[in-house]
PDB file of all heavy atoms in Angstrom:
ATOM      1  N   SER A   1      -2.800  -3.765  -5.905  1.00  0.00           N
ATOM      2  CA  SER A   1      -2.034  -4.578  -4.951  1.00  0.00           C
ATOM      3  C   SER A   1      -1.803  -5.988  -5.483  1.00  0.00           C
ATOM      4  O   SER A   1      -0.737  -6.580  -5.270  1.00  0.00           O
ATOM      5  CB  SER A   1      -2.768  -4.653  -3.610  1.00  0.00           C
ATOM      6  OG  SER A   1      -2.796  -3.392  -2.984  1.00  0.00           O
ATOM      7  N   ILE A   2      -2.800  -6.531  -6.180  1.00  0.00           N
ATOM      8  CA  ILE A   2      -2.662  -7.868  -6.759  1.00  0.00           C
ATOM      9  C   ILE A   2      -1.544  -7.887  -7.795  1.00  0.00           C
ATOM     10  O   ILE A   2      -0.685  -8.778  -7.806  1.00  0.00           O
ATOM     11  CB  ILE A   2      -3.991  -8.330  -7.389  1.00  0.00           C
ATOM     12  CG1 ILE A   2      -5.048  -8.536  -6.304  1.00  0.00           C
ATOM     13  CG2 ILE A   2      -3.794  -9.616  -8.193  1.00  0.00           C
ATOM     14  CD1 ILE A   2      -6.440  -8.805  -6.845  1.00  0.00           C
ATOM     15  N   GLN A   3      -1.528  -6.859  -8.671  1.00  0.00           N
ATOM     16  CA  GLN A   3      -0.487  -6.778  -9.688  1.00  0.00           C
ATOM     17  C   GLN A   3       0.883  -6.577  -9.061  1.00  0.00           C
ATOM     18  O   GLN A   3       1.874  -7.185  -9.489  1.00  0.00           O
ATOM     19  CB  GLN A   3      -0.793  -5.625 -10.650  1.00  0.00           C
ATOM     20  CG  GLN A   3       0.167  -5.531 -11.831  1.00  0.00           C
ATOM     21  CD  GLN A   3       0.142  -6.779 -12.688  1.00  0.00           C
ATOM     22  OE1 GLN A   3      -0.905  -7.200 -13.165  1.00  0.00           O
ATOM     23  NE2 GLN A   3       1.319  -7.391 -12.902  1.00  0.00           N
ATOM     24  N   SER A   4       0.936  -5.753  -8.010  1.00  0.00           N
ATOM     25  CA  SER A   4       2.200  -5.513  -7.307  1.00  0.00           C
ATOM     26  C   SER A   4       2.724  -6.794  -6.669  1.00  0.00           C
ATOM     27  O   SER A   4       3.929  -7.076  -6.694  1.00  0.00           O
ATOM     28  CB  SER A   4       2.001  -4.437  -6.241  1.00  0.00           C
ATOM     29  OG  SER A   4       3.179  -4.232  -5.499  1.00  0.00           O
ATOM     30  N   SER A   5       1.810  -7.584  -6.093  1.00  0.00           N
ATOM     31  CA  SER A   5       2.187  -8.856  -5.474  1.00  0.00           C
ATOM     32  C   SER A   5       2.730  -9.829  -6.515  1.00  0.00           C
ATOM     33  O   SER A   5       3.732 -10.521  -6.283  1.00  0.00           O
ATOM     34  CB  SER A   5       0.987  -9.467  -4.753  1.00  0.00           C
ATOM     35  OG  SER A   5       1.313 -10.714  -4.180  1.00  0.00           O
ATOM     36  N   ILE A   6       2.082  -9.869  -7.670  1.00  0.00           N
ATOM     37  CA  ILE A   6       2.531 -10.760  -8.749  1.00  0.00           C
ATOM     38  C   ILE A   6       3.897 -10.335  -9.264  1.00  0.00           C
ATOM     39  O   ILE A   6       4.791 -11.168  -9.484  1.00  0.00           O
ATOM     40  CB  ILE A   6       1.498 -10.781  -9.894  1.00  0.00           C
ATOM     41  CG1 ILE A   6       0.196 -11.426  -9.426  1.00  0.00           C
ATOM     42  CG2 ILE A   6       2.056 -11.522 -11.113  1.00  0.00           C
ATOM     43  CD1 ILE A   6      -0.931 -11.335 -10.431  1.00  0.00           C
ATOM     44  N   ASP A   7       4.080  -9.027  -9.454  1.00  0.00           N
ATOM     45  CA  ASP A   7       5.368  -8.509  -9.936  1.00  0.00           C
ATOM     46  C   ASP A   7       6.490  -8.840  -8.957  1.00  0.00           C
ATOM     47  O   ASP A   7       7.604  -9.213  -9.364  1.00  0.00           O
ATOM     48  CB  ASP A   7       5.286  -6.991 -10.137  1.00  0.00           C
ATOM     49  CG  ASP A   7       4.383  -6.612 -11.304  1.00  0.00           C
ATOM     50  OD1 ASP A   7       4.116  -7.496 -12.147  1.00  0.00           O
ATOM     51  OD2 ASP A   7       3.950  -5.444 -11.358  1.00  0.00           O
ATOM     52  N   ASN A   8       6.195  -8.679  -7.669  1.00  0.00           N
ATOM     53  CA  ASN A   8       7.194  -8.991  -6.647  1.00  0.00           C
ATOM     54  C   ASN A   8       7.576 -10.472  -6.677  1.00  0.00           C
ATOM     55  O   ASN A   8       8.750 -10.843  -6.547  1.00  0.00           O
ATOM     56  CB  ASN A   8       6.653  -8.618  -5.263  1.00  0.00           C
ATOM     57  CG  ASN A   8       7.640  -8.908  -4.147  1.00  0.00           C
ATOM     58  OD1 ASN A   8       8.659  -8.241  -3.993  1.00  0.00           O
ATOM     59  ND2 ASN A   8       7.345  -9.911  -3.330  1.00  0.00           N
ATOM     60  N   TYR A   9       6.581 -11.319  -6.880  1.00  0.00           N
ATOM     61  CA  TYR A   9       6.828 -12.763  -6.947  1.00  0.00           C
ATOM     62  C   TYR A   9       7.648 -13.126  -8.193  1.00  0.00           C
ATOM     63  O   TYR A   9       8.561 -13.947  -8.129  1.00  0.00           O
ATOM     64  CB  TYR A   9       5.496 -13.504  -6.956  1.00  0.00           C
ATOM     65  CG  TYR A   9       5.629 -15.004  -7.057  1.00  0.00           C
ATOM     66  CD1 TYR A   9       6.105 -15.759  -5.984  1.00  0.00           C
ATOM     67  CD2 TYR A   9       5.282 -15.674  -8.237  1.00  0.00           C
ATOM     68  CE1 TYR A   9       6.223 -17.141  -6.076  1.00  0.00           C
ATOM     69  CE2 TYR A   9       5.403 -17.050  -8.329  1.00  0.00           C
ATOM     70  CZ  TYR A   9       5.870 -17.772  -7.247  1.00  0.00           C
ATOM     71  OH  TYR A   9       5.998 -19.136  -7.349  1.00  0.00           O
ATOM     72  N   MET A  10       7.328 -12.494  -9.322  1.00  0.00           N
ATOM     73  CA  MET A  10       8.051 -12.761 -10.563  1.00  0.00           C
ATOM     74  C   MET A  10       9.507 -12.301 -10.479  1.00  0.00           C
ATOM     75  O   MET A  10      10.379 -12.840 -11.155  1.00  0.00           O
ATOM     76  CB  MET A  10       7.358 -12.057 -11.736  1.00  0.00           C
ATOM     77  CG  MET A  10       5.960 -12.590 -12.030  1.00  0.00           C
ATOM     78  SD  MET A  10       5.930 -14.340 -12.503  1.00  0.00           S
ATOM     79  CE  MET A  10       6.718 -14.247 -14.114  1.00  0.00           C
ATOM     80  N   ASP A  11       9.760 -11.304  -9.623  1.00  0.00           N
ATOM     81  CA  ASP A  11      11.121 -10.802  -9.429  1.00  0.00           C
ATOM     82  C   ASP A  11      11.905 -11.606  -8.396  1.00  0.00           C
ATOM     83  O   ASP A  11      13.022 -11.232  -8.032  1.00  0.00           O
ATOM     84  CB  ASP A  11      11.086  -9.328  -8.994  1.00  0.00           C
ATOM     85  CG  ASP A  11      10.616  -8.412 -10.123  1.00  0.00           C
ATOM     86  OD1 ASP A  11      10.732  -8.822 -11.290  1.00  0.00           O
ATOM     87  OD2 ASP A  11      10.119  -7.307  -9.828  1.00  0.00           O
ATOM     88  N   GLY A  12      11.300 -12.694  -7.909  1.00  0.00           N
ATOM     89  CA  GLY A  12      12.000 -13.562  -6.977  1.00  0.00           C
ATOM     90  C   GLY A  12      11.612 -13.386  -5.526  1.00  0.00           C
ATOM     91  O   GLY A  12      12.135 -14.080  -4.649  1.00  0.00           O
ATOM     92  N   GLY A  13      10.701 -12.482  -5.254  1.00  0.00           N
ATOM     93  CA  GLY A  13      10.263 -12.256  -3.881  1.00  0.00           C
ATOM     94  C   GLY A  13       9.161 -13.217  -3.476  1.00  0.00           C
ATOM     95  O   GLY A  13       8.729 -14.082  -4.264  1.00  0.00           O
ATOM     96  N   LYS A  14       8.688 -13.073  -2.244  1.00  0.00           N
ATOM     97  CA  LYS A  14       7.604 -13.921  -1.763  1.00  0.00           C
ATOM     98  C   LYS A  14       6.271 -13.418  -2.294  1.00  0.00           C
ATOM     99  O   LYS A  14       6.096 -12.224  -2.533  1.00  0.00           O
ATOM    100  CB  LYS A  14       7.572 -13.929  -0.225  1.00  0.00           C
ATOM    101  CG  LYS A  14       8.759 -14.630   0.418  1.00  0.00           C
ATOM    102  CD  LYS A  14       8.612 -14.656   1.920  1.00  0.00           C
ATOM    103  CE  LYS A  14       9.776 -15.391   2.573  1.00  0.00           C
ATOM    104  NZ  LYS A  14       9.644 -15.426   4.066  1.00  0.00           N
ATOM    105  N   LEU A  15       5.340 -14.358  -2.482  1.00  0.00           N
ATOM    106  CA  LEU A  15       4.003 -13.990  -2.946  1.00  0.00           C
ATOM    107  C   LEU A  15       3.206 -13.448  -1.771  1.00  0.00           C
ATOM    108  O   LEU A  15       2.801 -14.185  -0.873  1.00  0.00           O
ATOM    109  CB  LEU A  15       3.292 -15.210  -3.543  1.00  0.00           C
ATOM    110  CG  LEU A  15       1.941 -14.939  -4.222  1.00  0.00           C
ATOM    111  CD1 LEU A  15       2.135 -13.999  -5.417  1.00  0.00           C
ATOM    112  CD2 LEU A  15       1.302 -16.239  -4.683  1.00  0.00           C
ATOM    113  N   ARG A  16       3.023 -12.124  -1.747  1.00  0.00           N
ATOM    114  CA  ARG A  16       2.323 -11.481  -0.644  1.00  0.00           C
ATOM    115  C   ARG A  16       0.810 -11.590  -0.827  1.00  0.00           C
ATOM    116  O   ARG A  16       0.307 -11.616  -1.936  1.00  0.00           O
ATOM    117  CB  ARG A  16       2.701  -9.989  -0.553  1.00  0.00           C
ATOM    118  CG  ARG A  16       4.185  -9.723  -0.398  1.00  0.00           C
ATOM    119  CD  ARG A  16       4.406  -8.259  -0.055  1.00  0.00           C
ATOM    120  NE  ARG A  16       3.764  -7.397  -1.022  1.00  0.00           N
ATOM    121  CZ  ARG A  16       4.385  -6.886  -2.092  1.00  0.00           C
ATOM    122  NH1 ARG A  16       5.647  -7.189  -2.334  1.00  0.00           N
ATOM    123  NH2 ARG A  16       3.748  -6.095  -2.937  1.00  0.00           N
ATOM    124  N   GLY A  17       0.127 -11.612   0.297  1.00  0.00           N
ATOM    125  CA  GLY A  17      -1.326 -11.596   0.247  1.00  0.00           C
ATOM    126  C   GLY A  17      -1.826 -10.224  -0.176  1.00  0.00           C
ATOM    127  O   GLY A  17      -1.216  -9.210   0.144  1.00  0.00           O
ATOM    128  N   ALA A  18      -2.928 -10.189  -0.917  1.00  0.00           N
ATOM    129  CA  ALA A  18      -3.478  -8.909  -1.374  1.00  0.00           C
ATOM    130  C   ALA A  18      -4.963  -8.833  -1.066  1.00  0.00           C
ATOM    131  O   ALA A  18      -5.715  -8.168  -1.773  1.00  0.00           O
ATOM    132  CB  ALA A  18      -3.223  -8.746  -2.870  1.00  0.00           C
ATOM    133  N   SER A  19      -5.383  -9.511  -0.002  1.00  0.00           N
ATOM    134  CA  SER A  19      -6.802  -9.509   0.360  1.00  0.00           C
ATOM    135  C   SER A  19      -7.210  -8.152   0.911  1.00  0.00           C
ATOM    136  O   SER A  19      -6.525  -7.585   1.769  1.00  0.00           O
ATOM    137  CB  SER A  19      -7.085 -10.589   1.411  1.00  0.00           C
ATOM    138  OG  SER A  19      -6.973 -11.868   0.849  1.00  0.00           O
ATOM    139  N   THR A  20      -8.323  -7.654   0.435  1.00  0.00           N
ATOM    140  CA  THR A  20      -8.858  -6.392   0.929  1.00  0.00           C
ATOM    141  C   THR A  20      -9.671  -6.634   2.201  1.00  0.00           C
ATOM    142  O   THR A  20      -9.967  -7.784   2.562  1.00  0.00           O
ATOM    143  CB  THR A  20      -9.767  -5.754  -0.128  1.00  0.00           C
ATOM    144  OG1 THR A  20     -10.888  -6.631  -0.352  1.00  0.00           O
ATOM    145  CG2 THR A  20      -9.019  -5.529  -1.425  1.00  0.00           C
ATOM    146  N   ILE A  21     -10.062  -5.559   2.856  1.00  0.00           N
ATOM    147  CA  ILE A  21     -10.928  -5.677   4.024  1.00  0.00           C
ATOM    148  C   ILE A  21     -12.258  -6.323   3.623  1.00  0.00           C
ATOM    149  O   ILE A  21     -12.802  -7.157   4.356  1.00  0.00           O
ATOM    150  CB  ILE A  21     -11.158  -4.295   4.667  1.00  0.00           C
ATOM    151  CG1 ILE A  21      -9.889  -3.869   5.432  1.00  0.00           C
ATOM    152  CG2 ILE A  21     -12.365  -4.295   5.596  1.00  0.00           C
ATOM    153  CD1 ILE A  21      -9.956  -2.480   6.031  1.00  0.00           C
ATOM    154  N   SER A  22     -12.762  -5.984   2.462  1.00  0.00           N
ATOM    155  CA  SER A  22     -14.019  -6.576   1.970  1.00  0.00           C
ATOM    156  C   SER A  22     -13.884  -8.080   1.807  1.00  0.00           C
ATOM    157  O   SER A  22     -14.781  -8.847   2.191  1.00  0.00           O
ATOM    158  CB  SER A  22     -14.416  -5.937   0.638  1.00  0.00           C
ATOM    159  OG  SER A  22     -14.569  -4.541   0.768  1.00  0.00           O
ATOM    160  N   GLN A  23     -12.776  -8.528   1.234  1.00  0.00           N
ATOM    161  CA  GLN A  23     -12.537  -9.959   1.061  1.00  0.00           C
ATOM    162  C   GLN A  23     -12.413 -10.667   2.407  1.00  0.00           C
ATOM    163  O   GLN A  23     -12.904 -11.781   2.581  1.00  0.00           O
ATOM    164  CB  GLN A  23     -11.271 -10.192   0.241  1.00  0.00           C
ATOM    165  CG  GLN A  23     -11.416  -9.889  -1.234  1.00  0.00           C
ATOM    166  CD  GLN A  23     -10.099 -10.039  -1.970  1.00  0.00           C
ATOM    167  OE1 GLN A  23      -9.321  -9.102  -2.087  1.00  0.00           O
ATOM    168  NE2 GLN A  23      -9.842 -11.238  -2.463  1.00  0.00           N
ATOM    169  N   GLN A  24     -11.767 -10.020   3.356  1.00  0.00           N
ATOM    170  CA  GLN A  24     -11.602 -10.625   4.675  1.00  0.00           C
ATOM    171  C   GLN A  24     -12.939 -10.740   5.398  1.00  0.00           C
ATOM    172  O   GLN A  24     -13.185 -11.709   6.120  1.00  0.00           O
ATOM    173  CB  GLN A  24     -10.607  -9.814   5.497  1.00  0.00           C
ATOM    174  CG  GLN A  24      -9.183  -9.895   4.961  1.00  0.00           C
ATOM    175  CD  GLN A  24      -8.197  -9.117   5.810  1.00  0.00           C
ATOM    176  OE1 GLN A  24      -8.079  -9.326   7.018  1.00  0.00           O
ATOM    177  NE2 GLN A  24      -7.484  -8.195   5.186  1.00  0.00           N
ATOM    178  N   VAL A  25     -13.810  -9.754   5.220  1.00  0.00           N
ATOM    179  CA  VAL A  25     -15.151  -9.841   5.803  1.00  0.00           C
ATOM    180  C   VAL A  25     -15.908 -11.018   5.189  1.00  0.00           C
ATOM    181  O   VAL A  25     -16.528 -11.816   5.894  1.00  0.00           O
ATOM    182  CB  VAL A  25     -15.933  -8.530   5.594  1.00  0.00           C
ATOM    183  CG1 VAL A  25     -17.408  -8.716   5.948  1.00  0.00           C
ATOM    184  CG2 VAL A  25     -15.340  -7.409   6.443  1.00  0.00           C
ATOM    185  N   ALA A  26     -15.867 -11.117   3.856  1.00  0.00           N
ATOM    186  CA  ALA A  26     -16.559 -12.219   3.163  1.00  0.00           C
ATOM    187  C   ALA A  26     -16.042 -13.566   3.645  1.00  0.00           C
ATOM    188  O   ALA A  26     -16.821 -14.489   3.911  1.00  0.00           O
ATOM    189  CB  ALA A  26     -16.358 -12.076   1.658  1.00  0.00           C
ATOM    190  N   LYS A  27     -14.731 -13.676   3.775  1.00  0.00           N
ATOM    191  CA  LYS A  27     -14.105 -14.938   4.173  1.00  0.00           C
ATOM    192  C   LYS A  27     -14.417 -15.297   5.621  1.00  0.00           C
ATOM    193  O   LYS A  27     -14.806 -16.426   5.927  1.00  0.00           O
ATOM    194  CB  LYS A  27     -12.593 -14.824   3.965  1.00  0.00           C
ATOM    195  CG  LYS A  27     -11.789 -16.028   4.379  1.00  0.00           C
ATOM    196  CD  LYS A  27     -10.331 -15.865   3.964  1.00  0.00           C
ATOM    197  CE  LYS A  27      -9.724 -14.594   4.536  1.00  0.00           C
ATOM    198  NZ  LYS A  27      -8.311 -14.428   4.143  1.00  0.00           N
ATOM    199  N   ASN A  28     -14.246 -14.339   6.528  1.00  0.00           N
ATOM    200  CA  ASN A  28     -14.421 -14.623   7.957  1.00  0.00           C
ATOM    201  C   ASN A  28     -15.883 -14.763   8.367  1.00  0.00           C
ATOM    202  O   ASN A  28     -16.210 -15.527   9.271  1.00  0.00           O
ATOM    203  CB  ASN A  28     -13.755 -13.535   8.800  1.00  0.00           C
ATOM    204  CG  ASN A  28     -12.251 -13.523   8.653  1.00  0.00           C
ATOM    205  OD1 ASN A  28     -11.652 -14.517   8.261  1.00  0.00           O
ATOM    206  ND2 ASN A  28     -11.635 -12.403   8.957  1.00  0.00           N
ATOM    207  N   LEU A  29     -16.752 -14.022   7.710  1.00  0.00           N
ATOM    208  CA  LEU A  29     -18.159 -14.018   8.098  1.00  0.00           C
ATOM    209  C   LEU A  29     -18.903 -15.240   7.557  1.00  0.00           C
ATOM    210  O   LEU A  29     -19.725 -15.833   8.257  1.00  0.00           O
ATOM    211  CB  LEU A  29     -18.839 -12.745   7.599  1.00  0.00           C
ATOM    212  CG  LEU A  29     -20.285 -12.496   8.046  1.00  0.00           C
ATOM    213  CD1 LEU A  29     -20.393 -12.455   9.560  1.00  0.00           C
ATOM    214  CD2 LEU A  29     -20.806 -11.191   7.442  1.00  0.00           C
ATOM    215  N   PHE A  30     -18.583 -15.648   6.322  1.00  0.00           N
ATOM    216  CA  PHE A  30     -19.385 -16.677   5.660  1.00  0.00           C
ATOM    217  C   PHE A  30     -18.672 -18.005   5.408  1.00  0.00           C
ATOM    218  O   PHE A  30     -19.336 -19.012   5.154  1.00  0.00           O
ATOM    219  CB  PHE A  30     -19.885 -16.149   4.310  1.00  0.00           C
ATOM    220  CG  PHE A  30     -20.744 -14.928   4.403  1.00  0.00           C
ATOM    221  CD1 PHE A  30     -20.293 -13.695   3.957  1.00  0.00           C
ATOM    222  CD2 PHE A  30     -22.018 -14.992   4.948  1.00  0.00           C
ATOM    223  CE1 PHE A  30     -21.084 -12.561   4.033  1.00  0.00           C
ATOM    224  CE2 PHE A  30     -22.829 -13.866   5.035  1.00  0.00           C
ATOM    225  CZ  PHE A  30     -22.357 -12.640   4.581  1.00  0.00           C
ATOM    226  N   LEU A  31     -17.331 -18.024   5.460  1.00  0.00           N
ATOM    227  CA  LEU A  31     -16.591 -19.189   4.991  1.00  0.00           C
ATOM    228  C   LEU A  31     -15.590 -19.695   6.019  1.00  0.00           C
ATOM    229  O   LEU A  31     -15.296 -19.021   7.001  1.00  0.00           O
ATOM    230  CB  LEU A  31     -15.852 -18.851   3.686  1.00  0.00           C
ATOM    231  CG  LEU A  31     -16.723 -18.263   2.574  1.00  0.00           C
ATOM    232  CD1 LEU A  31     -15.850 -17.729   1.446  1.00  0.00           C
ATOM    233  CD2 LEU A  31     -17.694 -19.297   2.041  1.00  0.00           C
ATOM    234  N   THR A  32     -15.044 -20.869   5.766  1.00  0.00           N
ATOM    235  CA  THR A  32     -13.992 -21.434   6.611  1.00  0.00           C
ATOM    236  C   THR A  32     -12.634 -21.048   6.023  1.00  0.00           C
ATOM    237  O   THR A  32     -12.540 -20.675   4.852  1.00  0.00           O
ATOM    238  CB  THR A  32     -14.094 -22.968   6.670  1.00  0.00           C
ATOM    239  OG1 THR A  32     -13.819 -23.499   5.371  1.00  0.00           O
ATOM    240  CG2 THR A  32     -15.485 -23.397   7.120  1.00  0.00           C
ATOM    241  N   PRO A  33     -11.557 -21.173   6.811  1.00  0.00           N
ATOM    242  CA  PRO A  33     -10.233 -20.784   6.307  1.00  0.00           C
ATOM    243  C   PRO A  33      -9.578 -21.806   5.388  1.00  0.00           C
ATOM    244  O   PRO A  33      -8.407 -21.668   5.055  1.00  0.00           O
ATOM    245  CB  PRO A  33      -9.420 -20.614   7.603  1.00  0.00           C
ATOM    246  CG  PRO A  33     -10.074 -21.512   8.576  1.00  0.00           C
ATOM    247  CD  PRO A  33     -11.532 -21.484   8.248  1.00  0.00           C
ATOM    248  N   SER A  34     -10.277 -22.851   5.005  1.00  0.00           N
ATOM    249  CA  SER A  34      -9.697 -23.856   4.110  1.00  0.00           C
ATOM    250  C   SER A  34      -9.363 -23.223   2.762  1.00  0.00           C
ATOM    251  O   SER A  34      -9.978 -22.241   2.345  1.00  0.00           O
ATOM    252  CB  SER A  34     -10.673 -25.013   3.902  1.00  0.00           C
ATOM    253  OG  SER A  34     -11.852 -24.549   3.277  1.00  0.00           O
ATOM    254  N   LYS A  35      -8.377 -23.801   2.079  1.00  0.00           N
ATOM    255  CA  LYS A  35      -7.939 -23.259   0.796  1.00  0.00           C
ATOM    256  C   LYS A  35      -8.332 -24.208  -0.332  1.00  0.00           C
ATOM    257  O   LYS A  35      -7.912 -25.341  -0.380  1.00  0.00           O
ATOM    258  CB  LYS A  35      -6.426 -23.057   0.803  1.00  0.00           C
ATOM    259  CG  LYS A  35      -5.959 -21.986   1.784  1.00  0.00           C
ATOM    260  CD  LYS A  35      -4.457 -21.799   1.735  1.00  0.00           C
ATOM    261  CE  LYS A  35      -4.007 -20.730   2.726  1.00  0.00           C
ATOM    262  NZ  LYS A  35      -2.537 -20.538   2.685  1.00  0.00           N
ATOM    263  N   SER A  36      -9.160 -23.711  -1.234  1.00  0.00           N
ATOM    264  CA  SER A  36      -9.556 -24.478  -2.407  1.00  0.00           C
ATOM    265  C   SER A  36     -10.130 -23.508  -3.432  1.00  0.00           C
ATOM    266  O   SER A  36     -10.471 -22.362  -3.104  1.00  0.00           O
ATOM    267  CB  SER A  36     -10.608 -25.534  -2.044  1.00  0.00           C
ATOM    268  OG  SER A  36     -11.837 -24.919  -1.684  1.00  0.00           O
ATOM    269  N   PHE A  37     -10.228 -23.953  -4.675  1.00  0.00           N
ATOM    270  CA  PHE A  37     -10.785 -23.096  -5.722  1.00  0.00           C
ATOM    271  C   PHE A  37     -12.263 -22.799  -5.459  1.00  0.00           C
ATOM    272  O   PHE A  37     -12.753 -21.706  -5.756  1.00  0.00           O
ATOM    273  CB  PHE A  37     -10.607 -23.758  -7.092  1.00  0.00           C
ATOM    274  CG  PHE A  37      -9.196 -23.720  -7.601  1.00  0.00           C
ATOM    275  CD1 PHE A  37      -8.455 -24.880  -7.697  1.00  0.00           C
ATOM    276  CD2 PHE A  37      -8.606 -22.514  -7.965  1.00  0.00           C
ATOM    277  CE1 PHE A  37      -7.147 -24.849  -8.162  1.00  0.00           C
ATOM    278  CE2 PHE A  37      -7.304 -22.470  -8.432  1.00  0.00           C
ATOM    279  CZ  PHE A  37      -6.564 -23.630  -8.529  1.00  0.00           C
ATOM    280  N   VAL A  38     -12.972 -23.777  -4.906  1.00  0.00           N
ATOM    281  CA  VAL A  38     -14.387 -23.567  -4.594  1.00  0.00           C
ATOM    282  C   VAL A  38     -14.544 -22.485  -3.535  1.00  0.00           C
ATOM    283  O   VAL A  38     -15.370 -21.576  -3.678  1.00  0.00           O
ATOM    284  CB  VAL A  38     -15.039 -24.885  -4.112  1.00  0.00           C
ATOM    285  CG1 VAL A  38     -16.467 -24.632  -3.633  1.00  0.00           C
ATOM    286  CG2 VAL A  38     -15.041 -25.922  -5.225  1.00  0.00           C
ATOM    287  N   ARG A  39     -13.747 -22.573  -2.455  1.00  0.00           N
ATOM    288  CA  ARG A  39     -13.832 -21.572  -1.397  1.00  0.00           C
ATOM    289  C   ARG A  39     -13.441 -20.191  -1.906  1.00  0.00           C
ATOM    290  O   ARG A  39     -14.054 -19.183  -1.550  1.00  0.00           O
ATOM    291  CB  ARG A  39     -12.942 -21.963  -0.221  1.00  0.00           C
ATOM    292  CG  ARG A  39     -13.290 -21.175   1.071  1.00  0.00           C
ATOM    293  CD  ARG A  39     -12.086 -21.011   1.956  1.00  0.00           C
ATOM    294  NE  ARG A  39     -11.047 -20.251   1.310  1.00  0.00           N
ATOM    295  CZ  ARG A  39     -11.025 -18.923   1.253  1.00  0.00           C
ATOM    296  NH1 ARG A  39     -11.970 -18.215   1.810  1.00  0.00           N
ATOM    297  NH2 ARG A  39     -10.062 -18.291   0.619  1.00  0.00           N
ATOM    298  N   LYS A  40     -12.421 -20.149  -2.766  1.00  0.00           N
ATOM    299  CA  LYS A  40     -12.003 -18.865  -3.331  1.00  0.00           C
ATOM    300  C   LYS A  40     -13.110 -18.285  -4.202  1.00  0.00           C
ATOM    301  O   LYS A  40     -13.352 -17.079  -4.186  1.00  0.00           O
ATOM    302  CB  LYS A  40     -10.723 -19.057  -4.149  1.00  0.00           C
ATOM    303  CG  LYS A  40      -9.994 -17.747  -4.455  1.00  0.00           C
ATOM    304  CD  LYS A  40      -9.502 -17.071  -3.187  1.00  0.00           C
ATOM    305  CE  LYS A  40      -8.779 -15.773  -3.486  1.00  0.00           C
ATOM    306  NZ  LYS A  40      -8.338 -15.082  -2.247  1.00  0.00           N
ATOM    307  N   GLY A  41     -13.780 -19.150  -4.963  1.00  0.00           N
ATOM    308  CA  GLY A  41     -14.894 -18.680  -5.779  1.00  0.00           C
ATOM    309  C   GLY A  41     -16.027 -18.128  -4.934  1.00  0.00           C
ATOM    310  O   GLY A  41     -16.627 -17.097  -5.267  1.00  0.00           O
ATOM    311  N   LEU A  42     -16.314 -18.797  -3.812  1.00  0.00           N
ATOM    312  CA  LEU A  42     -17.354 -18.314  -2.899  1.00  0.00           C
ATOM    313  C   LEU A  42     -16.944 -16.993  -2.254  1.00  0.00           C
ATOM    314  O   LEU A  42     -17.782 -16.112  -2.032  1.00  0.00           O
ATOM    315  CB  LEU A  42     -17.623 -19.362  -1.819  1.00  0.00           C
ATOM    316  CG  LEU A  42     -18.317 -20.643  -2.294  1.00  0.00           C
ATOM    317  CD1 LEU A  42     -18.357 -21.664  -1.165  1.00  0.00           C
ATOM    318  CD2 LEU A  42     -19.723 -20.345  -2.793  1.00  0.00           C
ATOM    319  N   GLU A  43     -15.651 -16.859  -1.970  1.00  0.00           N
ATOM    320  CA  GLU A  43     -15.150 -15.599  -1.404  1.00  0.00           C
ATOM    321  C   GLU A  43     -15.381 -14.443  -2.378  1.00  0.00           C
ATOM    322  O   GLU A  43     -15.799 -13.346  -1.981  1.00  0.00           O
ATOM    323  CB  GLU A  43     -13.659 -15.730  -1.095  1.00  0.00           C
ATOM    324  CG  GLU A  43     -13.042 -14.463  -0.519  1.00  0.00           C
ATOM    325  CD  GLU A  43     -11.535 -14.567  -0.367  1.00  0.00           C
ATOM    326  OE1 GLU A  43     -11.054 -15.635   0.082  1.00  0.00           O
ATOM    327  OE2 GLU A  43     -10.820 -13.604  -0.709  1.00  0.00           O
TER     328      GLU A  43
END
């Protein structure tokens, strides 16, 4: 899904989210919705 999202973006489309259910659990259970490289690393 990540590769598909990147390909779609390179073809001029919008960059779609490719978060899995596991990633969403990690993000919602342990982290805040802020966007940063540190938060992404923790996710």
